[in-house]
Amino acid sequence: MKHGKLWVNLSIIGIFTVALLGFILRCKILFDIRFIDYNRLLDAHEHFAFAGWVTLALIYLMVLEILPQELNKRPLYQWVLGGIVLTAWGMLCTYPFGQLITISDFFSTAFIIITYVFGVVFIRDIIKSKASQPVKLLAISSVLSLMLSSVAIFTLAYLFSINSLNAILYRDALFTYLHLQYNGFFALAVFALLFHKMDSKMSYQARRNVRRLSIFLSCSILPSLFISFLWQDPVVIIRIIAIIGSIFLLLSFIWLIVTGLSMIEEVMEITPVMRVLGIMALSAFMLKELLQSFTIFPAIGDMVFGNRPIIIGYLHLVFLGFVTPFILIYYTHLKVFSLKSKFTFTAFIFFIVGIVLNEIMLMTQGMGEMIIKSTYLFPWLLWGISIVLFIGATLITIARFSTNSKAKS
């Protein structure tokens, strides 16, 4: 794909920037940094994490890997990737400043329009491709989730424009956006790429399992969304749909285990480091499926939906524990990184340790609040972990550009 190194390099700079913003936000919680507006910087952090890192990387990989060369070389895809970069950095540079909110909204709307254009063209192209049916189903469902999530964004924008105090609609729109992004676009894109890469090595039984798993994953997206609405004590029909979604999540969890067991020989051919990172990423996803399905029970759901550290921990479980390691593994497969380098290996380990510690600490903090036993140490511990993540992201960025320099020489 034309300009491939450019998009990879920009996405790696993206993860470095996300880690830097996360560190600054943790500093703001502890220290009196008056020139930083926490909420506005948080908006910039969230928008850039989605657009400047994950969306850029996943769209680049799906176009490069799943579409044949005669289709992925289309100039339109270069414009799409360039537009994502431009709007992501535009949102990053304007959201922290209240007086630039109109420009921020412009970049946000432009980003959504770009995803529409990409979605329409990509779906048309992938239907023409020779990708397997499970990969097509997962990729198309992923892109549709990305496009559909914008409805929640427009709903939030409308509520802000009329100064609405409708907390129920606001929260439902926010949960809808996050669900369609994390459980829809992010997760399904990852599995589409994974199964496409392993398709030629799969046994007949593994292909059958992958086909069924792809159906369960895709069918779980919309009904499991209704689990997010249970916090408001909804009508019976919403609870019934949520139960159906929970069943699909459990089926996805079980069939992921079945599929993994049927692919043990193929997995053992992967290098040990990549295999460990892959198992860690998939374990994070499976834990997410299990936790999400359990929130169908009111006693659990009521505690979770009102617990900010638990929600943040859940989101990080998908974003940092599942999607980010997968992208780094895939980049390594594409020779973006070389794990033969001790520096690169150390960078990966440092970053992964930060991810694990961050998840443990957020969940511990959340459980502490559930039993009304918290401590002032948590913000300091999370601040320390944000330093580890930032250093890890910095080392990964250095490793990428050092690998790039060696490739040129």
Protein backbone atom coordinates (compact mmCIF):
# COMPACT_ATOMS: atom_id res chain seq x y z
CA MET A 1 0.00 0.00 0.00
CA LYS A 2 1.30 3.42 -0.99
CA HIS A 3 2.73 5.57 1.85
CA GLY A 4 2.39 2.62 4.24
CA LYS A 5 5.37 3.66 6.38
CA LEU A 6 3.92 7.14 6.78
CA TRP A 7 0.63 5.87 8.24
CA VAL A 8 2.45 3.42 10.52
CA ASN A 9 4.81 6.12 11.79
CA LEU A 10 1.95 8.54 12.40
CA SER A 11 0.00 5.90 14.32
CA ILE A 12 3.04 5.12 16.50
CA ILE A 13 3.42 8.84 17.20
CA GLY A 14 -0.27 8.64 18.06
CA ILE A 15 0.18 6.06 20.81
CA PHE A 16 3.06 8.10 22.23
CA THR A 17 0.82 11.18 22.30
CA VAL A 18 -2.03 9.26 23.97
CA ALA A 19 0.34 8.05 26.71
CA LEU A 20 1.69 11.60 27.19
CA LEU A 21 -1.84 13.00 27.56
CA GLY A 22 -2.71 10.24 30.02
CA PHE A 23 0.32 11.17 32.13
CA ILE A 24 -0.61 14.88 32.06
CA LEU A 25 -4.18 14.07 33.13
CA ARG A 26 -2.89 12.03 36.08
CA CYS A 27 -0.64 14.96 37.01
CA LYS A 28 -3.60 17.33 36.90
CA ILE A 29 -5.50 15.14 39.40
CA LEU A 30 -2.67 15.41 41.94
CA PHE A 31 -1.10 18.79 41.30
CA ASP A 32 -2.49 22.31 40.98
CA ILE A 33 -1.81 22.93 37.29
CA ARG A 34 -4.12 25.87 36.78
CA PHE A 35 -3.55 26.46 33.07
CA ILE A 36 -4.93 22.98 32.23
CA ASP A 37 -8.69 22.40 32.05
CA TYR A 38 -9.03 18.73 33.04
CA ASN A 39 -12.36 18.03 31.32
CA ARG A 40 -11.33 19.66 28.05
CA LEU A 41 -7.98 17.88 28.00
CA LEU A 42 -9.82 14.63 28.78
CA ASP A 43 -12.03 15.23 25.71
CA ALA A 44 -8.91 15.79 23.60
CA HIS A 45 -7.31 12.64 25.03
CA GLU A 46 -10.36 10.47 24.28
CA HIS A 47 -10.94 11.79 20.76
CA PHE A 48 -7.29 11.49 19.81
CA ALA A 49 -6.93 8.01 21.32
CA PHE A 50 -9.80 6.81 19.15
CA ALA A 51 -8.91 8.67 15.95
CA GLY A 52 -5.15 9.25 16.04
CA TRP A 53 -4.18 5.78 17.28
CA VAL A 54 -6.71 2.94 17.06
CA THR A 55 -8.89 4.06 14.13
CA LEU A 56 -5.90 5.08 12.02
CA ALA A 57 -4.09 1.79 12.72
CA LEU A 58 -7.09 -0.50 12.25
CA ILE A 59 -8.29 1.13 9.03
CA TYR A 60 -4.77 1.05 7.62
CA LEU A 61 -4.38 -2.64 8.50
CA MET A 62 -7.81 -3.66 7.20
CA VAL A 63 -7.21 -1.93 3.88
CA LEU A 64 -3.65 -3.24 3.57
CA GLU A 65 -4.24 -6.82 4.69
CA ILE A 66 -7.80 -7.78 3.77
CA LEU A 67 -8.25 -6.01 0.43
CA PRO A 68 -6.30 -7.23 -2.63
CA GLN A 69 -3.60 -4.94 -4.05
CA GLU A 70 -5.69 -3.73 -6.97
CA LEU A 71 -8.21 -2.37 -4.46
CA ASN A 72 -6.04 -1.18 -1.56
CA LYS A 73 -4.00 1.01 -3.90
CA ARG A 74 -7.00 3.23 -4.57
CA PRO A 75 -6.12 6.93 -4.01
CA LEU A 76 -9.33 7.30 -2.00
CA TYR A 77 -7.91 5.22 0.85
CA GLN A 78 -4.88 7.51 1.02
CA TRP A 79 -7.19 10.50 1.30
CA VAL A 80 -9.18 8.72 4.01
CA LEU A 81 -6.08 7.98 6.09
CA GLY A 82 -4.77 11.50 5.54
CA GLY A 83 -8.14 12.91 6.59
CA ILE A 84 -8.14 10.81 9.76
CA VAL A 85 -4.69 12.12 10.68
CA LEU A 86 -5.65 15.74 9.97
CA THR A 87 -8.92 15.63 11.92
CA ALA A 88 -7.37 13.69 14.82
CA TRP A 89 -4.63 16.27 15.31
CA GLY A 90 -7.14 19.05 14.72
CA MET A 91 -9.29 17.76 17.59
CA LEU A 92 -6.22 17.34 19.79
CA CYS A 93 -5.10 20.93 19.24
CA THR A 94 -8.51 22.55 19.73
CA TYR A 95 -10.48 20.56 22.33
CA PRO A 96 -8.31 21.73 25.29
CA PHE A 97 -9.31 25.34 24.55
CA GLY A 98 -12.93 26.35 25.16
CA GLN A 99 -12.78 29.31 22.77
CA LEU A 100 -12.01 26.94 19.88
CA ILE A 101 -15.03 24.66 20.43
CA THR A 102 -16.53 25.54 17.02
CA ILE A 103 -13.32 24.46 15.28
CA SER A 104 -13.25 21.30 17.43
CA ASP A 105 -16.79 20.46 16.33
CA PHE A 106 -15.77 21.02 12.72
CA PHE A 107 -12.91 18.53 12.98
CA SER A 108 -15.13 16.04 14.84
CA THR A 109 -17.84 16.26 12.17
CA ALA A 110 -15.26 15.99 9.38
CA PHE A 111 -13.86 12.84 11.01
CA ILE A 112 -17.33 11.28 11.07
CA ILE A 113 -17.93 12.13 7.41
CA ILE A 114 -14.57 10.56 6.51
CA THR A 115 -15.58 7.33 8.29
CA TYR A 116 -18.83 7.33 6.27
CA VAL A 117 -16.91 7.62 3.01
CA PHE A 118 -14.48 4.92 4.09
CA GLY A 119 -17.31 2.64 5.24
CA VAL A 120 -19.26 2.80 1.99
CA VAL A 121 -16.21 2.22 -0.23
CA PHE A 122 -14.61 -0.43 2.00
CA ILE A 123 -17.79 -2.50 2.30
CA ARG A 124 -18.22 -2.40 -1.47
CA ASP A 125 -14.60 -3.44 -2.00
CA ILE A 126 -14.48 -6.21 0.59
CA ILE A 127 -17.60 -7.81 -0.88
CA LYS A 128 -15.67 -8.08 -4.17
CA SER A 129 -12.58 -9.51 -2.45
CA LYS A 130 -11.69 -13.17 -1.96
CA ALA A 131 -11.63 -12.90 1.83
CA SER A 132 -13.39 -15.69 3.69
CA GLN A 133 -17.02 -15.25 4.70
CA PRO A 134 -16.23 -14.95 8.46
CA VAL A 135 -13.68 -12.22 7.71
CA LYS A 136 -16.16 -10.36 5.50
CA LEU A 137 -18.86 -10.62 8.17
CA LEU A 138 -16.57 -9.36 10.93
CA ALA A 139 -15.04 -6.56 8.86
CA ILE A 140 -18.39 -5.31 7.57
CA SER A 141 -19.97 -5.49 11.05
CA SER A 142 -16.97 -3.61 12.42
CA VAL A 143 -17.24 -0.77 9.90
CA LEU A 144 -21.03 -0.54 10.31
CA SER A 145 -20.51 -0.22 14.08
CA LEU A 146 -18.04 2.60 13.46
CA MET A 147 -20.52 4.44 11.25
CA LEU A 148 -23.50 3.79 13.52
CA SER A 149 -21.66 5.10 16.59
CA SER A 150 -21.85 8.61 15.12
CA VAL A 151 -25.59 8.67 15.90
CA ALA A 152 -24.67 8.81 19.59
CA ILE A 153 -22.21 11.65 18.92
CA PHE A 154 -24.86 13.70 17.13
CA THR A 155 -27.28 13.01 20.00
CA LEU A 156 -24.74 14.30 22.52
CA ALA A 157 -24.07 17.35 20.35
CA TYR A 158 -27.80 18.08 20.22
CA LEU A 159 -28.14 17.81 24.01
CA PHE A 160 -25.24 20.24 24.48
CA SER A 161 -26.64 22.67 21.91
CA ILE A 162 -29.99 22.98 23.74
CA ASN A 163 -28.38 22.91 27.20
CA SER A 164 -30.44 19.85 28.05
CA LEU A 165 -30.33 18.40 31.55
CA ASN A 166 -31.68 15.02 30.41
CA ALA A 167 -29.15 12.87 32.27
CA ILE A 168 -30.74 9.58 31.13
CA LEU A 169 -30.50 10.39 27.42
CA TYR A 170 -26.99 11.78 27.87
CA ARG A 171 -25.75 8.66 29.63
CA ASP A 172 -27.46 6.30 27.18
CA ALA A 173 -25.93 8.14 24.22
CA LEU A 174 -22.48 8.00 25.83
CA PHE A 175 -22.76 4.27 26.59
CA THR A 176 -24.03 3.63 23.04
CA TYR A 177 -21.04 5.39 21.51
CA LEU A 178 -18.53 3.56 23.70
CA HIS A 179 -20.19 0.19 23.12
CA LEU A 180 -20.27 0.52 19.33
CA GLN A 181 -16.65 1.68 19.29
CA TYR A 182 -15.11 -0.77 21.75
CA ASN A 183 -17.24 -3.88 21.36
CA GLY A 184 -18.18 -3.21 17.76
CA PHE A 185 -15.55 -1.45 15.65
CA PHE A 186 -12.41 -2.21 17.68
CA ALA A 187 -13.09 -5.83 18.62
CA LEU A 188 -14.58 -7.02 15.33
CA ALA A 189 -11.81 -5.36 13.29
CA VAL A 190 -9.20 -7.16 15.39
CA PHE A 191 -10.83 -10.55 14.85
CA ALA A 192 -11.29 -9.87 11.13
CA LEU A 193 -7.55 -9.20 10.81
CA LEU A 194 -6.61 -12.16 13.02
CA PHE A 195 -8.71 -14.73 11.17
CA HIS A 196 -7.69 -13.36 7.79
CA LYS A 197 -4.03 -13.73 8.67
CA MET A 198 -4.48 -17.31 9.95
CA ASP A 199 -6.96 -18.46 7.31
CA SER A 200 -4.45 -20.34 5.13
CA LYS A 201 -3.12 -22.27 8.16
CA MET A 202 -6.47 -23.32 9.62
CA SER A 203 -7.77 -26.87 9.64
CA TYR A 204 -11.27 -27.66 8.41
CA GLN A 205 -12.55 -27.88 12.00
CA ALA A 206 -10.92 -24.58 12.92
CA ARG A 207 -12.61 -22.88 9.96
CA ARG A 208 -15.98 -24.21 11.08
CA ASN A 209 -15.38 -22.88 14.58
CA VAL A 210 -14.25 -19.50 13.26
CA ARG A 211 -17.39 -19.27 11.12
CA ARG A 212 -19.62 -19.87 14.12
CA LEU A 213 -17.60 -17.54 16.36
CA SER A 214 -17.82 -14.73 13.80
CA ILE A 215 -21.62 -15.09 13.79
CA PHE A 216 -21.82 -14.99 17.59
CA LEU A 217 -19.53 -11.95 17.80
CA SER A 218 -21.38 -10.01 15.11
CA CYS A 219 -24.84 -10.90 16.42
CA SER A 220 -23.88 -9.89 19.97
CA ILE A 221 -23.22 -6.24 19.17
CA LEU A 222 -26.72 -4.74 19.02
CA PRO A 223 -28.51 -6.81 21.69
CA SER A 224 -25.61 -6.52 24.16
CA LEU A 225 -25.87 -2.73 23.77
CA PHE A 226 -29.09 -2.94 25.78
CA ILE A 227 -27.14 -4.22 28.79
CA SER A 228 -25.85 -0.64 29.06
CA PHE A 229 -29.43 0.60 29.47
CA LEU A 230 -30.27 -1.57 32.48
CA TRP A 231 -28.99 1.04 34.95
CA GLN A 232 -32.20 3.08 34.49
CA ASP A 233 -34.60 0.22 35.45
CA PRO A 234 -36.01 -0.08 31.90
CA VAL A 235 -39.18 -1.68 30.52
CA VAL A 236 -39.37 -5.47 30.14
CA ILE A 237 -38.60 -5.56 26.40
CA ILE A 238 -35.24 -3.83 26.91
CA ARG A 239 -34.35 -6.30 29.67
CA ILE A 240 -35.28 -9.23 27.39
CA ILE A 241 -33.07 -7.91 24.56
CA ALA A 242 -30.27 -7.38 27.08
CA ILE A 243 -30.59 -11.00 28.21
CA ILE A 244 -30.32 -12.12 24.56
CA GLY A 245 -27.19 -9.99 24.25
CA SER A 246 -25.76 -11.56 27.38
CA ILE A 247 -26.37 -15.04 25.95
CA PHE A 248 -24.51 -14.10 22.75
CA LEU A 249 -21.60 -12.78 24.83
CA LEU A 250 -21.38 -16.07 26.73
CA LEU A 251 -21.58 -18.02 23.47
CA SER A 252 -18.76 -15.87 22.07
CA PHE A 253 -16.71 -16.53 25.20
CA ILE A 254 -17.24 -20.29 25.01
CA TRP A 255 -16.66 -20.50 21.26
CA LEU A 256 -13.50 -18.46 21.49
CA ILE A 257 -12.13 -21.16 23.80
CA VAL A 258 -13.33 -23.90 21.43
CA THR A 259 -11.77 -22.11 18.46
CA GLY A 260 -8.49 -21.59 20.30
CA LEU A 261 -8.27 -25.27 21.21
CA SER A 262 -8.83 -26.25 17.57
CA MET A 263 -5.93 -24.00 16.51
CA ILE A 264 -3.28 -25.07 19.03
CA GLU A 265 -0.93 -26.40 16.34
CA GLU A 266 -1.13 -23.16 14.37
CA VAL A 267 -0.60 -21.07 17.52
CA MET A 268 2.49 -23.07 18.51
CA GLU A 269 4.15 -22.05 15.23
CA ILE A 270 4.14 -18.41 16.35
CA THR A 271 7.28 -17.11 18.06
CA PRO A 272 7.09 -17.37 21.89
CA VAL A 273 7.02 -13.63 22.59
CA MET A 274 4.30 -12.98 20.03
CA ARG A 275 2.36 -15.98 21.31
CA VAL A 276 2.45 -14.73 24.91
CA LEU A 277 1.37 -11.23 23.91
CA GLY A 278 -1.41 -12.67 21.74
CA ILE A 279 -2.70 -14.89 24.52
CA MET A 280 -2.63 -11.93 26.91
CA ALA A 281 -4.64 -9.79 24.46
CA LEU A 282 -7.23 -12.51 23.84
CA SER A 283 -7.47 -13.21 27.58
CA ALA A 284 -8.30 -9.55 28.14
CA PHE A 285 -11.05 -9.76 25.53
CA MET A 286 -12.47 -12.95 27.05
CA LEU A 287 -12.49 -11.35 30.49
CA LYS A 288 -14.33 -8.40 28.98
CA GLU A 289 -16.98 -10.70 27.48
CA LEU A 290 -17.47 -12.47 30.79
CA LEU A 291 -17.67 -9.29 32.88
CA GLN A 292 -20.06 -7.63 30.44
CA SER A 293 -22.40 -10.64 30.40
CA PHE A 294 -22.57 -10.69 34.22
CA THR A 295 -23.81 -7.09 34.40
CA ILE A 296 -27.19 -8.46 33.32
CA PHE A 297 -27.74 -9.23 37.02
CA PRO A 298 -29.08 -6.10 38.79
CA ALA A 299 -26.93 -6.59 41.89
CA ILE A 300 -23.76 -6.50 39.74
CA GLY A 301 -24.95 -4.02 37.12
CA ASP A 302 -26.02 -1.41 39.68
CA MET A 303 -22.59 -1.48 41.32
CA VAL A 304 -20.67 -1.38 38.01
CA PHE A 305 -22.57 1.38 36.17
CA GLY A 306 -22.22 3.74 39.13
CA ASN A 307 -18.54 3.01 39.69
CA ARG A 308 -16.27 5.26 37.63
CA PRO A 309 -12.97 3.38 38.26
CA ILE A 310 -14.62 0.09 37.24
CA ILE A 311 -15.97 1.64 34.02
CA ILE A 312 -12.58 3.19 33.23
CA GLY A 313 -10.90 -0.12 34.04
CA TYR A 314 -13.30 -1.93 31.71
CA LEU A 315 -12.63 0.53 28.87
CA HIS A 316 -8.87 0.25 29.40
CA LEU A 317 -9.20 -3.55 29.43
CA VAL A 318 -10.37 -3.39 25.82
CA PHE A 319 -8.34 -0.40 24.64
CA LEU A 320 -5.00 -1.13 26.33
CA GLY A 321 -5.32 -4.81 27.19
CA PHE A 322 -6.75 -6.12 23.93
CA VAL A 323 -6.65 -3.77 20.95
CA THR A 324 -3.32 -2.00 21.53
CA PRO A 325 -1.24 -5.19 22.07
CA PHE A 326 -2.86 -6.75 19.00
CA ILE A 327 -1.93 -3.79 16.79
CA LEU A 328 1.64 -3.89 18.09
CA ILE A 329 1.79 -7.66 17.43
CA TYR A 330 0.46 -7.16 13.91
CA TYR A 331 2.93 -4.36 13.27
CA THR A 332 5.72 -6.68 14.41
CA HIS A 333 4.50 -9.31 11.95
CA LEU A 334 4.74 -6.66 9.21
CA LYS A 335 8.37 -5.96 10.25
CA VAL A 336 7.49 -2.55 11.66
CA PHE A 337 9.30 -3.70 14.79
CA SER A 338 12.03 -6.27 15.22
CA LEU A 339 11.84 -8.27 18.45
CA LYS A 340 15.36 -9.51 17.74
CA SER A 341 16.45 -6.11 19.00
CA LYS A 342 16.89 -6.10 22.79
CA PHE A 343 15.79 -2.47 22.87
CA THR A 344 12.51 -3.24 21.10
CA PHE A 345 11.92 -6.30 23.28
CA THR A 346 12.51 -4.20 26.42
CA ALA A 347 10.17 -1.48 25.14
CA PHE A 348 7.37 -3.99 24.57
CA ILE A 349 7.83 -5.60 27.99
CA PHE A 350 7.93 -2.20 29.73
CA PHE A 351 4.72 -1.08 28.03
CA ILE A 352 2.88 -4.37 28.65
CA VAL A 353 3.87 -4.31 32.35
CA GLY A 354 2.39 -0.80 32.53
CA ILE A 355 -0.85 -2.04 30.96
CA VAL A 356 -1.18 -4.92 33.42
CA LEU A 357 -0.41 -2.73 36.46
CA ASN A 358 -2.85 -0.06 35.26
CA GLU A 359 -5.65 -2.59 34.89
CA ILE A 360 -5.01 -4.20 38.28
CA MET A 361 -4.92 -0.82 40.01
CA LEU A 362 -8.11 0.49 38.37
CA MET A 363 -10.03 -2.67 39.22
CA THR A 364 -8.67 -2.63 42.78
CA GLN A 365 -9.71 1.00 43.17
CA GLY A 366 -13.16 0.18 41.82
CA MET A 367 -13.61 -2.78 44.16
CA GLY A 368 -12.45 -0.61 47.04
CA GLU A 369 -15.17 1.94 46.30
CA MET A 370 -17.77 -0.83 46.12
CA ILE A 371 -17.04 -1.85 49.71
CA ILE A 372 -16.50 1.77 50.80
CA LYS A 373 -12.82 1.17 51.46
CA SER A 374 -10.66 3.42 49.36
CA THR A 375 -7.35 5.13 49.97
CA TYR A 376 -5.63 8.36 48.98
CA LEU A 377 -2.77 6.23 47.65
CA PHE A 378 -4.69 5.14 44.52
CA PRO A 379 -4.24 8.45 42.62
CA TRP A 380 -0.52 8.39 43.42
CA LEU A 381 -0.15 4.76 42.35
CA LEU A 382 -2.04 5.42 39.11
CA TRP A 383 0.17 8.46 38.51
CA GLY A 384 3.25 6.24 38.88
CA ILE A 385 1.79 3.70 36.48
CA SER A 386 1.04 6.47 33.95
CA ILE A 387 4.77 7.24 34.03
CA VAL A 388 5.53 3.58 33.25
CA LEU A 389 3.07 3.64 30.33
CA PHE A 390 4.51 6.89 29.03
CA ILE A 391 8.08 5.59 29.20
CA GLY A 392 6.96 2.36 27.50
CA ALA A 393 5.23 4.28 24.69
CA THR A 394 8.32 6.49 24.32
CA LEU A 395 10.59 3.44 24.02
CA ILE A 396 8.23 1.86 21.47
CA THR A 397 8.32 5.07 19.40
CA ILE A 398 12.12 5.15 19.53
CA ALA A 399 12.21 1.45 18.61
CA ARG A 400 10.01 2.08 15.60
CA PHE A 401 12.14 4.86 14.20
CA SER A 402 15.37 3.02 14.91
CA THR A 403 13.99 0.00 13.02
CA ASN A 404 12.96 2.35 10.22
CA SER A 405 16.47 3.83 10.07
CA LYS A 406 18.13 0.40 9.93
CA ALA A 407 15.77 -0.64 7.14
CA LYS A 408 16.88 2.36 5.07
CA SER A 409 20.59 1.82 5.65
